[in-house]
Amino acid sequence: MKVLFLQHGEKRFRLLVNMADGGAEAMEVYRKLCTVADRFLNISIDYVGYVPQDDYVTMAVCRQRAVVDLYPRAPSSRQFEKLAKVVGGWDVPELPKGTMQFFWRRQIA
């Protein structure tokens, strides 16, 4: 975030907390990150959600498959489905601003 802000002028970020033990822990991570960002940077961070710590993810990685395909009822799979609906509702920028946005645009198209 710091590099994107200082070198590219990016001021708005979205945070997805990975491997959280629950919503309370994810919100604590978000709160701490916002405290640091407010103190040292002039940026905005929106909380998107979290992916829970889930052994099914590790098992899916070992099999080189998506957890949602192998274990659709796993906690992480259910959370990924919720997050996909949220992300699917986001506006797509008209023009990508940088390398990462070009990358994501290629992945989505």
PDB file of N, CA and C in Angstrom:
ATOM      1  N   MET A   1       0.823  -1.177   0.000  1.00  0.00           N
ATOM      2  CA  MET A   1       0.000   0.000   0.000  1.00  0.00           C
ATOM      3  C   MET A   1       0.875   1.251   0.000  1.00  0.00           C
ATOM      4  N   LYS A   2       1.907   1.201   0.807  1.00  0.00           N
ATOM      5  CA  LYS A   2       2.800   2.355   0.891  1.00  0.00           C
ATOM      6  C   LYS A   2       3.435   2.640  -0.461  1.00  0.00           C
ATOM      7  N   VAL A   3       3.936   1.615  -1.115  1.00  0.00           N
ATOM      8  CA  VAL A   3       4.588   1.791  -2.417  1.00  0.00           C
ATOM      9  C   VAL A   3       3.576   2.289  -3.450  1.00  0.00           C
ATOM     10  N   LEU A   4       2.399   1.691  -3.473  1.00  0.00           N
ATOM     11  CA  LEU A   4       1.388   2.119  -4.435  1.00  0.00           C
ATOM     12  C   LEU A   4       0.961   3.562  -4.193  1.00  0.00           C
ATOM     13  N   PHE A   5       0.905   3.963  -2.936  1.00  0.00           N
ATOM     14  CA  PHE A   5       0.558   5.345  -2.610  1.00  0.00           C
ATOM     15  C   PHE A   5       1.690   6.295  -3.003  1.00  0.00           C
ATOM     16  N   LEU A   6       2.903   5.997  -2.567  1.00  0.00           N
ATOM     17  CA  LEU A   6       4.020   6.917  -2.789  1.00  0.00           C
ATOM     18  C   LEU A   6       4.473   6.970  -4.248  1.00  0.00           C
ATOM     19  N   GLN A   7       4.483   5.832  -4.926  1.00  0.00           N
ATOM     20  CA  GLN A   7       5.016   5.807  -6.284  1.00  0.00           C
ATOM     21  C   GLN A   7       3.955   5.955  -7.374  1.00  0.00           C
ATOM     22  N   HIS A   8       2.715   5.645  -7.042  1.00  0.00           N
ATOM     23  CA  HIS A   8       1.678   5.668  -8.071  1.00  0.00           C
ATOM     24  C   HIS A   8       0.462   6.505  -7.691  1.00  0.00           C
ATOM     25  N   GLY A   9       0.474   7.097  -6.514  1.00  0.00           N
ATOM     26  CA  GLY A   9      -0.614   7.977  -6.103  1.00  0.00           C
ATOM     27  C   GLY A   9      -1.922   7.279  -5.795  1.00  0.00           C
ATOM     28  N   GLU A  10      -1.874   5.967  -5.605  1.00  0.00           N
ATOM     29  CA  GLU A  10      -3.100   5.226  -5.285  1.00  0.00           C
ATOM     30  C   GLU A  10      -3.507   5.559  -3.851  1.00  0.00           C
ATOM     31  N   LYS A  11      -4.758   5.965  -3.660  1.00  0.00           N
ATOM     32  CA  LYS A  11      -5.214   6.391  -2.336  1.00  0.00           C
ATOM     33  C   LYS A  11      -6.342   5.541  -1.774  1.00  0.00           C
ATOM     34  N   ARG A  12      -6.868   4.644  -2.569  1.00  0.00           N
ATOM     35  CA  ARG A  12      -7.987   3.840  -2.096  1.00  0.00           C
ATOM     36  C   ARG A  12      -7.661   2.364  -2.256  1.00  0.00           C
ATOM     37  N   PHE A  13      -7.862   1.618  -1.180  1.00  0.00           N
ATOM     38  CA  PHE A  13      -7.536   0.196  -1.158  1.00  0.00           C
ATOM     39  C   PHE A  13      -8.693  -0.593  -0.585  1.00  0.00           C
ATOM     40  N   ARG A  14      -8.721  -1.857  -0.929  1.00  0.00           N
ATOM     41  CA  ARG A  14      -9.685  -2.791  -0.347  1.00  0.00           C
ATOM     42  C   ARG A  14      -8.890  -3.902   0.323  1.00  0.00           C
ATOM     43  N   LEU A  15      -9.343  -4.303   1.506  1.00  0.00           N
ATOM     44  CA  LEU A  15      -8.624  -5.311   2.278  1.00  0.00           C
ATOM     45  C   LEU A  15      -9.456  -6.578   2.417  1.00  0.00           C
ATOM     46  N   LEU A  16      -8.848  -7.691   2.053  1.00  0.00           N
ATOM     47  CA  LEU A  16      -9.397  -9.016   2.294  1.00  0.00           C
ATOM     48  C   LEU A  16      -8.414  -9.720   3.213  1.00  0.00           C
ATOM     49  N   VAL A  17      -8.845 -10.048   4.411  1.00  0.00           N
ATOM     50  CA  VAL A  17      -7.976 -10.694   5.392  1.00  0.00           C
ATOM     51  C   VAL A  17      -8.014 -12.198   5.144  1.00  0.00           C
ATOM     52  N   ASN A  18      -6.841 -12.786   5.003  1.00  0.00           N
ATOM     53  CA  ASN A  18      -6.726 -14.221   4.729  1.00  0.00           C
ATOM     54  C   ASN A  18      -6.349 -14.975   6.003  1.00  0.00           C
ATOM     55  N   MET A  19      -6.824 -16.212   6.093  1.00  0.00           N
ATOM     56  CA  MET A  19      -6.485 -17.127   7.185  1.00  0.00           C
ATOM     57  C   MET A  19      -6.864 -16.584   8.560  1.00  0.00           C
ATOM     58  N   ALA A  20      -8.025 -15.949   8.648  1.00  0.00           N
ATOM     59  CA  ALA A  20      -8.500 -15.417   9.927  1.00  0.00           C
ATOM     60  C   ALA A  20      -9.225 -16.518  10.700  1.00  0.00           C
ATOM     61  N   ASP A  21      -9.127 -16.433  12.024  1.00  0.00           N
ATOM     62  CA  ASP A  21      -9.842 -17.394  12.865  1.00  0.00           C
ATOM     63  C   ASP A  21     -11.321 -17.055  12.980  1.00  0.00           C
ATOM     64  N   GLY A  22     -11.714 -15.917  12.455  1.00  0.00           N
ATOM     65  CA  GLY A  22     -13.112 -15.512  12.477  1.00  0.00           C
ATOM     66  C   GLY A  22     -13.253 -14.037  12.145  1.00  0.00           C
ATOM     67  N   GLY A  23     -14.500 -13.598  12.113  1.00  0.00           N
ATOM     68  CA  GLY A  23     -14.780 -12.213  11.772  1.00  0.00           C
ATOM     69  C   GLY A  23     -14.177 -11.216  12.747  1.00  0.00           C
ATOM     70  N   ALA A  24     -14.150 -11.568  14.019  1.00  0.00           N
ATOM     71  CA  ALA A  24     -13.592 -10.645  15.025  1.00  0.00           C
ATOM     72  C   ALA A  24     -12.095 -10.439  14.798  1.00  0.00           C
ATOM     73  N   GLU A  25     -11.370 -11.523  14.519  1.00  0.00           N
ATOM     74  CA  GLU A  25      -9.938 -11.391  14.269  1.00  0.00           C
ATOM     75  C   GLU A  25      -9.687 -10.589  12.996  1.00  0.00           C
ATOM     76  N   ALA A  26     -10.475 -10.842  11.965  1.00  0.00           N
ATOM     77  CA  ALA A  26     -10.320 -10.103  10.706  1.00  0.00           C
ATOM     78  C   ALA A  26     -10.556  -8.610  10.919  1.00  0.00           C
ATOM     79  N   MET A  27     -11.558  -8.266  11.692  1.00  0.00           N
ATOM     80  CA  MET A  27     -11.828  -6.846  11.965  1.00  0.00           C
ATOM     81  C   MET A  27     -10.705  -6.217  12.783  1.00  0.00           C
ATOM     82  N   GLU A  28     -10.097  -6.973  13.655  1.00  0.00           N
ATOM     83  CA  GLU A  28      -8.961  -6.462  14.436  1.00  0.00           C
ATOM     84  C   GLU A  28      -7.773  -6.174  13.523  1.00  0.00           C
ATOM     85  N   VAL A  29      -7.513  -7.057  12.573  1.00  0.00           N
ATOM     86  CA  VAL A  29      -6.444  -6.821  11.593  1.00  0.00           C
ATOM     87  C   VAL A  29      -6.747  -5.554  10.812  1.00  0.00           C
ATOM     88  N   TYR A  30      -7.985  -5.408  10.361  1.00  0.00           N
ATOM     89  CA  TYR A  30      -8.402  -4.219   9.624  1.00  0.00           C
ATOM     90  C   TYR A  30      -8.225  -2.954  10.474  1.00  0.00           C
ATOM     91  N   ARG A  31      -8.664  -3.015  11.710  1.00  0.00           N
ATOM     92  CA  ARG A  31      -8.551  -1.858  12.598  1.00  0.00           C
ATOM     93  C   ARG A  31      -7.100  -1.439  12.783  1.00  0.00           C
ATOM     94  N   LYS A  32      -6.223  -2.413  13.012  1.00  0.00           N
ATOM     95  CA  LYS A  32      -4.801  -2.105  13.204  1.00  0.00           C
ATOM     96  C   LYS A  32      -4.181  -1.514  11.945  1.00  0.00           C
ATOM     97  N   LEU A  33      -4.517  -2.082  10.804  1.00  0.00           N
ATOM     98  CA  LEU A  33      -3.973  -1.564   9.550  1.00  0.00           C
ATOM     99  C   LEU A  33      -4.470  -0.141   9.289  1.00  0.00           C
ATOM    100  N   CYS A  34      -5.728   0.118   9.568  1.00  0.00           N
ATOM    101  CA  CYS A  34      -6.267   1.474   9.395  1.00  0.00           C
ATOM    102  C   CYS A  34      -5.584   2.464  10.327  1.00  0.00           C
ATOM    103  N   THR A  35      -5.287   2.046  11.543  1.00  0.00           N
ATOM    104  CA  THR A  35      -4.597   2.917  12.490  1.00  0.00           C
ATOM    105  C   THR A  35      -3.230   3.320  11.950  1.00  0.00           C
ATOM    106  N   VAL A  36      -2.487   2.368  11.444  1.00  0.00           N
ATOM    107  CA  VAL A  36      -1.163   2.651  10.877  1.00  0.00           C
ATOM    108  C   VAL A  36      -1.295   3.519   9.632  1.00  0.00           C
ATOM    109  N   ALA A  37      -2.247   3.175   8.759  1.00  0.00           N
ATOM    110  CA  ALA A  37      -2.440   3.940   7.523  1.00  0.00           C
ATOM    111  C   ALA A  37      -2.830   5.382   7.822  1.00  0.00           C
ATOM    112  N   ASP A  38      -3.705   5.583   8.811  1.00  0.00           N
ATOM    113  CA  ASP A  38      -4.110   6.939   9.191  1.00  0.00           C
ATOM    114  C   ASP A  38      -2.937   7.733   9.746  1.00  0.00           C
ATOM    115  N   ARG A  39      -2.084   7.050  10.460  1.00  0.00           N
ATOM    116  CA  ARG A  39      -0.965   7.740  11.103  1.00  0.00           C
ATOM    117  C   ARG A  39       0.132   8.126  10.115  1.00  0.00           C
ATOM    118  N   PHE A  40       0.421   7.256   9.154  1.00  0.00           N
ATOM    119  CA  PHE A  40       1.583   7.469   8.291  1.00  0.00           C
ATOM    120  C   PHE A  40       1.259   7.772   6.827  1.00  0.00           C
ATOM    121  N   LEU A  41       0.063   7.459   6.379  1.00  0.00           N
ATOM    122  CA  LEU A  41      -0.305   7.668   4.980  1.00  0.00           C
ATOM    123  C   LEU A  41      -1.663   8.355   4.889  1.00  0.00           C
ATOM    124  N   ASN A  42      -1.927   8.938   3.771  1.00  0.00           N
ATOM    125  CA  ASN A  42      -3.226   9.572   3.537  1.00  0.00           C
ATOM    126  C   ASN A  42      -4.008   8.691   2.564  1.00  0.00           C
ATOM    127  N   ILE A  43      -4.421   7.504   3.048  1.00  0.00           N
ATOM    128  CA  ILE A  43      -5.117   6.557   2.193  1.00  0.00           C
ATOM    129  C   ILE A  43      -6.399   6.084   2.865  1.00  0.00           C
ATOM    130  N   SER A  44      -7.265   5.510   2.053  1.00  0.00           N
ATOM    131  CA  SER A  44      -8.526   4.949   2.525  1.00  0.00           C
ATOM    132  C   SER A  44      -8.489   3.438   2.327  1.00  0.00           C
ATOM    133  N   ILE A  45      -8.905   2.700   3.338  1.00  0.00           N
ATOM    134  CA  ILE A  45      -8.943   1.237   3.249  1.00  0.00           C
ATOM    135  C   ILE A  45     -10.365   0.779   3.546  1.00  0.00           C
ATOM    136  N   ASP A  46     -10.959   0.078   2.595  1.00  0.00           N
ATOM    137  CA  ASP A  46     -12.293  -0.494   2.776  1.00  0.00           C
ATOM    138  C   ASP A  46     -12.152  -1.969   3.122  1.00  0.00           C
ATOM    139  N   TYR A  47     -12.924  -2.403   4.082  1.00  0.00           N
ATOM    140  CA  TYR A  47     -12.922  -3.805   4.491  1.00  0.00           C
ATOM    141  C   TYR A  47     -13.843  -4.584   3.563  1.00  0.00           C
ATOM    142  N   VAL A  48     -13.313  -5.624   2.931  1.00  0.00           N
ATOM    143  CA  VAL A  48     -14.088  -6.450   2.008  1.00  0.00           C
ATOM    144  C   VAL A  48     -14.628  -7.686   2.716  1.00  0.00           C
ATOM    145  N   GLY A  49     -13.810  -8.264   3.575  1.00  0.00           N
ATOM    146  CA  GLY A  49     -14.200  -9.486   4.260  1.00  0.00           C
ATOM    147  C   GLY A  49     -12.978 -10.294   4.634  1.00  0.00           C
ATOM    148  N   TYR A  50     -13.211 -11.583   4.843  1.00  0.00           N
ATOM    149  CA  TYR A  50     -12.092 -12.445   5.228  1.00  0.00           C
ATOM    150  C   TYR A  50     -12.306 -13.846   4.696  1.00  0.00           C
ATOM    151  N   VAL A  51     -11.197 -14.561   4.606  1.00  0.00           N
ATOM    152  CA  VAL A  51     -11.214 -15.990   4.293  1.00  0.00           C
ATOM    153  C   VAL A  51     -10.750 -16.696   5.558  1.00  0.00           C
ATOM    154  N   PRO A  52     -11.552 -17.627   6.065  1.00  0.00           N
ATOM    155  CA  PRO A  52     -11.186 -18.269   7.330  1.00  0.00           C
ATOM    156  C   PRO A  52     -10.025 -19.253   7.182  1.00  0.00           C
ATOM    157  N   GLN A  53      -9.318 -19.444   8.274  1.00  0.00           N
ATOM    158  CA  GLN A  53      -8.315 -20.506   8.356  1.00  0.00           C
ATOM    159  C   GLN A  53      -9.065 -21.812   8.152  1.00  0.00           C
ATOM    160  N   ASP A  54      -8.613 -22.625   7.207  1.00  0.00           N
ATOM    161  CA  ASP A  54      -9.379 -23.806   6.850  1.00  0.00           C
ATOM    162  C   ASP A  54      -8.429 -24.878   6.314  1.00  0.00           C
ATOM    163  N   ASP A  55      -8.392 -26.014   6.963  1.00  0.00           N
ATOM    164  CA  ASP A  55      -7.525 -27.116   6.527  1.00  0.00           C
ATOM    165  C   ASP A  55      -7.890 -27.628   5.139  1.00  0.00           C
ATOM    166  N   TYR A  56      -9.134 -27.404   4.715  1.00  0.00           N
ATOM    167  CA  TYR A  56      -9.534 -27.841   3.385  1.00  0.00           C
ATOM    168  C   TYR A  56      -8.768 -27.087   2.289  1.00  0.00           C
ATOM    169  N   VAL A  57      -8.372 -25.859   2.569  1.00  0.00           N
ATOM    170  CA  VAL A  57      -7.573 -25.100   1.596  1.00  0.00           C
ATOM    171  C   VAL A  57      -6.234 -25.804   1.383  1.00  0.00           C
ATOM    172  N   THR A  58      -5.595 -26.194   2.462  1.00  0.00           N
ATOM    173  CA  THR A  58      -4.313 -26.897   2.368  1.00  0.00           C
ATOM    174  C   THR A  58      -4.466 -28.197   1.592  1.00  0.00           C
ATOM    175  N   MET A  59      -5.536 -28.933   1.860  1.00  0.00           N
ATOM    176  CA  MET A  59      -5.768 -30.195   1.159  1.00  0.00           C
ATOM    177  C   MET A  59      -5.999 -29.950  -0.338  1.00  0.00           C
ATOM    178  N   ALA A  60      -6.718 -28.902  -0.666  1.00  0.00           N
ATOM    179  CA  ALA A  60      -6.965 -28.580  -2.074  1.00  0.00           C
ATOM    180  C   ALA A  60      -5.676 -28.147  -2.771  1.00  0.00           C
ATOM    181  N   VAL A  61      -4.843 -27.367  -2.087  1.00  0.00           N
ATOM    182  CA  VAL A  61      -3.560 -26.943  -2.660  1.00  0.00           C
ATOM    183  C   VAL A  61      -2.697 -28.165  -2.958  1.00  0.00           C
ATOM    184  N   CYS A  62      -2.659 -29.109  -2.046  1.00  0.00           N
ATOM    185  CA  CYS A  62      -1.867 -30.327  -2.265  1.00  0.00           C
ATOM    186  C   CYS A  62      -2.339 -31.098  -3.494  1.00  0.00           C
ATOM    187  N   ARG A  63      -3.614 -31.013  -3.779  1.00  0.00           N
ATOM    188  CA  ARG A  63      -4.170 -31.699  -4.951  1.00  0.00           C
ATOM    189  C   ARG A  63      -4.196 -30.783  -6.177  1.00  0.00           C
ATOM    190  N   GLN A  64      -3.704 -29.560  -6.021  1.00  0.00           N
ATOM    191  CA  GLN A  64      -3.638 -28.563  -7.093  1.00  0.00           C
ATOM    192  C   GLN A  64      -5.001 -28.326  -7.735  1.00  0.00           C
ATOM    193  N   ARG A  65      -5.987 -28.162  -6.869  1.00  0.00           N
ATOM    194  CA  ARG A  65      -7.361 -27.898  -7.301  1.00  0.00           C
ATOM    195  C   ARG A  65      -7.934 -26.793  -6.430  1.00  0.00           C
ATOM    196  N   ALA A  66      -8.983 -26.182  -6.907  1.00  0.00           N
ATOM    197  CA  ALA A  66      -9.655 -25.121  -6.151  1.00  0.00           C
ATOM    198  C   ALA A  66     -10.451 -25.728  -4.999  1.00  0.00           C
ATOM    199  N   VAL A  67     -10.369 -25.112  -3.858  1.00  0.00           N
ATOM    200  CA  VAL A  67     -11.089 -25.609  -2.689  1.00  0.00           C
ATOM    201  C   VAL A  67     -12.592 -25.617  -2.946  1.00  0.00           C
ATOM    202  N   VAL A  68     -13.101 -24.648  -3.700  1.00  0.00           N
ATOM    203  CA  VAL A  68     -14.542 -24.597  -3.965  1.00  0.00           C
ATOM    204  C   VAL A  68     -14.995 -25.763  -4.844  1.00  0.00           C
ATOM    205  N   ASP A  69     -14.088 -26.298  -5.660  1.00  0.00           N
ATOM    206  CA  ASP A  69     -14.439 -27.461  -6.483  1.00  0.00           C
ATOM    207  C   ASP A  69     -14.403 -28.755  -5.678  1.00  0.00           C
ATOM    208  N   LEU A  70     -13.346 -28.920  -4.881  1.00  0.00           N
ATOM    209  CA  LEU A  70     -13.184 -30.167  -4.127  1.00  0.00           C
ATOM    210  C   LEU A  70     -14.056 -30.230  -2.886  1.00  0.00           C
ATOM    211  N   TYR A  71     -14.169 -29.125  -2.192  1.00  0.00           N
ATOM    212  CA  TYR A  71     -14.882 -29.096  -0.906  1.00  0.00           C
ATOM    213  C   TYR A  71     -15.845 -27.913  -0.881  1.00  0.00           C
ATOM    214  N   PRO A  72     -16.932 -27.980  -1.624  1.00  0.00           N
ATOM    215  CA  PRO A  72     -17.836 -26.831  -1.747  1.00  0.00           C
ATOM    216  C   PRO A  72     -18.514 -26.409  -0.444  1.00  0.00           C
ATOM    217  N   ARG A  73     -18.549 -27.291   0.529  1.00  0.00           N
ATOM    218  CA  ARG A  73     -19.186 -26.943   1.807  1.00  0.00           C
ATOM    219  C   ARG A  73     -18.182 -26.511   2.876  1.00  0.00           C
ATOM    220  N   ALA A  74     -16.916 -26.458   2.518  1.00  0.00           N
ATOM    221  CA  ALA A  74     -15.882 -26.028   3.467  1.00  0.00           C
ATOM    222  C   ALA A  74     -16.112 -24.562   3.829  1.00  0.00           C
ATOM    223  N   PRO A  75     -15.728 -24.167   5.037  1.00  0.00           N
ATOM    224  CA  PRO A  75     -15.911 -22.766   5.441  1.00  0.00           C
ATOM    225  C   PRO A  75     -15.291 -21.768   4.463  1.00  0.00           C
ATOM    226  N   SER A  76     -14.106 -22.065   3.972  1.00  0.00           N
ATOM    227  CA  SER A  76     -13.460 -21.143   3.032  1.00  0.00           C
ATOM    228  C   SER A  76     -14.232 -21.081   1.712  1.00  0.00           C
ATOM    229  N   SER A  77     -14.760 -22.194   1.257  1.00  0.00           N
ATOM    230  CA  SER A  77     -15.525 -22.211   0.007  1.00  0.00           C
ATOM    231  C   SER A  77     -16.771 -21.348   0.119  1.00  0.00           C
ATOM    232  N   ARG A  78     -17.468 -21.478   1.227  1.00  0.00           N
ATOM    233  CA  ARG A  78     -18.671 -20.663   1.426  1.00  0.00           C
ATOM    234  C   ARG A  78     -18.321 -19.177   1.457  1.00  0.00           C
ATOM    235  N   GLN A  79     -17.188 -18.854   2.090  1.00  0.00           N
ATOM    236  CA  GLN A  79     -16.764 -17.454   2.155  1.00  0.00           C
ATOM    237  C   GLN A  79     -16.340 -16.943   0.779  1.00  0.00           C
ATOM    238  N   PHE A  80     -15.647 -17.778  -0.007  1.00  0.00           N
ATOM    239  CA  PHE A  80     -15.264 -17.377  -1.363  1.00  0.00           C
ATOM    240  C   PHE A  80     -16.499 -17.083  -2.205  1.00  0.00           C
ATOM    241  N   GLU A  81     -17.549 -17.859  -2.040  1.00  0.00           N
ATOM    242  CA  GLU A  81     -18.781 -17.618  -2.801  1.00  0.00           C
ATOM    243  C   GLU A  81     -19.396 -16.275  -2.420  1.00  0.00           C
ATOM    244  N   LYS A  82     -19.409 -15.958  -1.127  1.00  0.00           N
ATOM    245  CA  LYS A  82     -19.921 -14.651  -0.686  1.00  0.00           C
ATOM    246  C   LYS A  82     -19.065 -13.522  -1.257  1.00  0.00           C
ATOM    247  N   LEU A  83     -17.758 -13.693  -1.198  1.00  0.00           N
ATOM    248  CA  LEU A  83     -16.847 -12.659  -1.696  1.00  0.00           C
ATOM    249  C   LEU A  83     -16.989 -12.472  -3.197  1.00  0.00           C
ATOM    250  N   ALA A  84     -17.213 -13.553  -3.926  1.00  0.00           N
ATOM    251  CA  ALA A  84     -17.386 -13.451  -5.381  1.00  0.00           C
ATOM    252  C   ALA A  84     -18.595 -12.588  -5.721  1.00  0.00           C
ATOM    253  N   LYS A  85     -19.650 -12.713  -4.946  1.00  0.00           N
ATOM    254  CA  LYS A  85     -20.834 -11.878  -5.177  1.00  0.00           C
ATOM    255  C   LYS A  85     -20.534 -10.409  -4.903  1.00  0.00           C
ATOM    256  N   VAL A  86     -19.762 -10.149  -3.865  1.00  0.00           N
ATOM    257  CA  VAL A  86     -19.393  -8.767  -3.541  1.00  0.00           C
ATOM    258  C   VAL A  86     -18.520  -8.189  -4.648  1.00  0.00           C
ATOM    259  N   VAL A  87     -17.483  -8.907  -5.014  1.00  0.00           N
ATOM    260  CA  VAL A  87     -16.548  -8.425  -6.042  1.00  0.00           C
ATOM    261  C   VAL A  87     -17.260  -8.289  -7.387  1.00  0.00           C
ATOM    262  N   GLY A  88     -18.170  -9.197  -7.679  1.00  0.00           N
ATOM    263  CA  GLY A  88     -18.914  -9.131  -8.938  1.00  0.00           C
ATOM    264  C   GLY A  88     -19.755  -7.869  -9.066  1.00  0.00           C
ATOM    265  N   GLY A  89     -20.079  -7.248  -7.946  1.00  0.00           N
ATOM    266  CA  GLY A  89     -20.868  -6.024  -7.958  1.00  0.00           C
ATOM    267  C   GLY A  89     -20.048  -4.749  -8.052  1.00  0.00           C
ATOM    268  N   TRP A  90     -18.739  -4.863  -8.029  1.00  0.00           N
ATOM    269  CA  TRP A  90     -17.894  -3.682  -8.121  1.00  0.00           C
ATOM    270  C   TRP A  90     -17.894  -3.123  -9.537  1.00  0.00           C
ATOM    271  N   ASP A  91     -17.793  -1.808  -9.634  1.00  0.00           N
ATOM    272  CA  ASP A  91     -17.645  -1.159 -10.925  1.00  0.00           C
ATOM    273  C   ASP A  91     -16.258  -1.451 -11.477  1.00  0.00           C
ATOM    274  N   VAL A  92     -16.188  -1.673 -12.780  1.00  0.00           N
ATOM    275  CA  VAL A  92     -14.904  -1.881 -13.448  1.00  0.00           C
ATOM    276  C   VAL A  92     -14.422  -0.518 -13.937  1.00  0.00           C
ATOM    277  N   PRO A  93     -13.190  -0.122 -13.574  1.00  0.00           N
ATOM    278  CA  PRO A  93     -12.689   1.170 -14.043  1.00  0.00           C
ATOM    279  C   PRO A  93     -12.626   1.201 -15.573  1.00  0.00           C
ATOM    280  N   GLU A  94     -12.913   2.363 -16.125  1.00  0.00           N
ATOM    281  CA  GLU A  94     -12.870   2.518 -17.575  1.00  0.00           C
ATOM    282  C   GLU A  94     -11.479   2.250 -18.124  1.00  0.00           C
ATOM    283  N   LEU A  95     -10.472   2.850 -17.508  1.00  0.00           N
ATOM    284  CA  LEU A  95      -9.100   2.684 -17.969  1.00  0.00           C
ATOM    285  C   LEU A  95      -8.233   2.184 -16.825  1.00  0.00           C
ATOM    286  N   PRO A  96      -7.520   1.092 -17.016  1.00  0.00           N
ATOM    287  CA  PRO A  96      -6.594   0.636 -15.979  1.00  0.00           C
ATOM    288  C   PRO A  96      -5.519   1.684 -15.715  1.00  0.00           C
ATOM    289  N   LYS A  97      -5.137   1.829 -14.440  1.00  0.00           N
ATOM    290  CA  LYS A  97      -4.141   2.828 -14.068  1.00  0.00           C
ATOM    291  C   LYS A  97      -2.730   2.275 -13.999  1.00  0.00           C
ATOM    292  N   GLY A  98      -2.578   0.981 -13.902  1.00  0.00           N
ATOM    293  CA  GLY A  98      -1.230   0.451 -13.738  1.00  0.00           C
ATOM    294  C   GLY A  98      -1.151  -1.025 -14.058  1.00  0.00           C
ATOM    295  N   THR A  99       0.003  -1.582 -13.815  1.00  0.00           N
ATOM    296  CA  THR A  99       0.304  -2.957 -14.176  1.00  0.00           C
ATOM    297  C   THR A  99      -0.670  -3.944 -13.547  1.00  0.00           C
ATOM    298  N   MET A 100      -0.962  -3.794 -12.251  1.00  0.00           N
ATOM    299  CA  MET A 100      -1.855  -4.743 -11.582  1.00  0.00           C
ATOM    300  C   MET A 100      -3.258  -4.674 -12.174  1.00  0.00           C
ATOM    301  N   GLN A 101      -3.717  -3.479 -12.484  1.00  0.00           N
ATOM    302  CA  GLN A 101      -5.056  -3.382 -13.064  1.00  0.00           C
ATOM    303  C   GLN A 101      -5.082  -3.964 -14.463  1.00  0.00           C
ATOM    304  N   PHE A 102      -4.001  -3.815 -15.248  1.00  0.00           N
ATOM    305  CA  PHE A 102      -3.922  -4.473 -16.543  1.00  0.00           C
ATOM    306  C   PHE A 102      -3.967  -5.987 -16.353  1.00  0.00           C
ATOM    307  N   PHE A 103      -3.240  -6.483 -15.359  1.00  0.00           N
ATOM    308  CA  PHE A 103      -3.213  -7.915 -15.070  1.00  0.00           C
ATOM    309  C   PHE A 103      -4.620  -8.420 -14.757  1.00  0.00           C
ATOM    310  N   TRP A 104      -5.317  -7.749 -13.848  1.00  0.00           N
ATOM    311  CA  TRP A 104      -6.647  -8.208 -13.446  1.00  0.00           C
ATOM    312  C   TRP A 104      -7.643  -8.086 -14.586  1.00  0.00           C
ATOM    313  N   ARG A 105      -7.513  -7.043 -15.383  1.00  0.00           N
ATOM    314  CA  ARG A 105      -8.417  -6.897 -16.516  1.00  0.00           C
ATOM    315  C   ARG A 105      -8.253  -8.082 -17.475  1.00  0.00           C
ATOM    316  N   ARG A 106      -7.004  -8.511 -17.728  1.00  0.00           N
ATOM    317  CA  ARG A 106      -6.758  -9.664 -18.590  1.00  0.00           C
ATOM    318  C   ARG A 106      -7.360 -10.925 -17.979  1.00  0.00           C
ATOM    319  N   GLN A 107      -7.306 -11.067 -16.657  1.00  0.00           N
ATOM    320  CA  GLN A 107      -7.840 -12.263 -16.005  1.00  0.00           C
ATOM    321  C   GLN A 107      -9.360 -12.322 -16.084  1.00  0.00           C
ATOM    322  N   ILE A 108      -9.998 -11.174 -15.986  1.00  0.00           N
ATOM    323  CA  ILE A 108     -11.466 -11.109 -15.968  1.00  0.00           C
ATOM    324  C   ILE A 108     -12.034 -11.245 -17.380  1.00  0.00           C
ATOM    325  N   ALA A 109     -11.346 -10.688 -18.357  1.00  0.00           N
ATOM    326  CA  ALA A 109     -11.878 -10.677 -19.735  1.00  0.00           C
ATOM    327  C   ALA A 109     -11.909 -12.049 -20.347  1.00  0.00           C
TER     328      ALA A 109
END
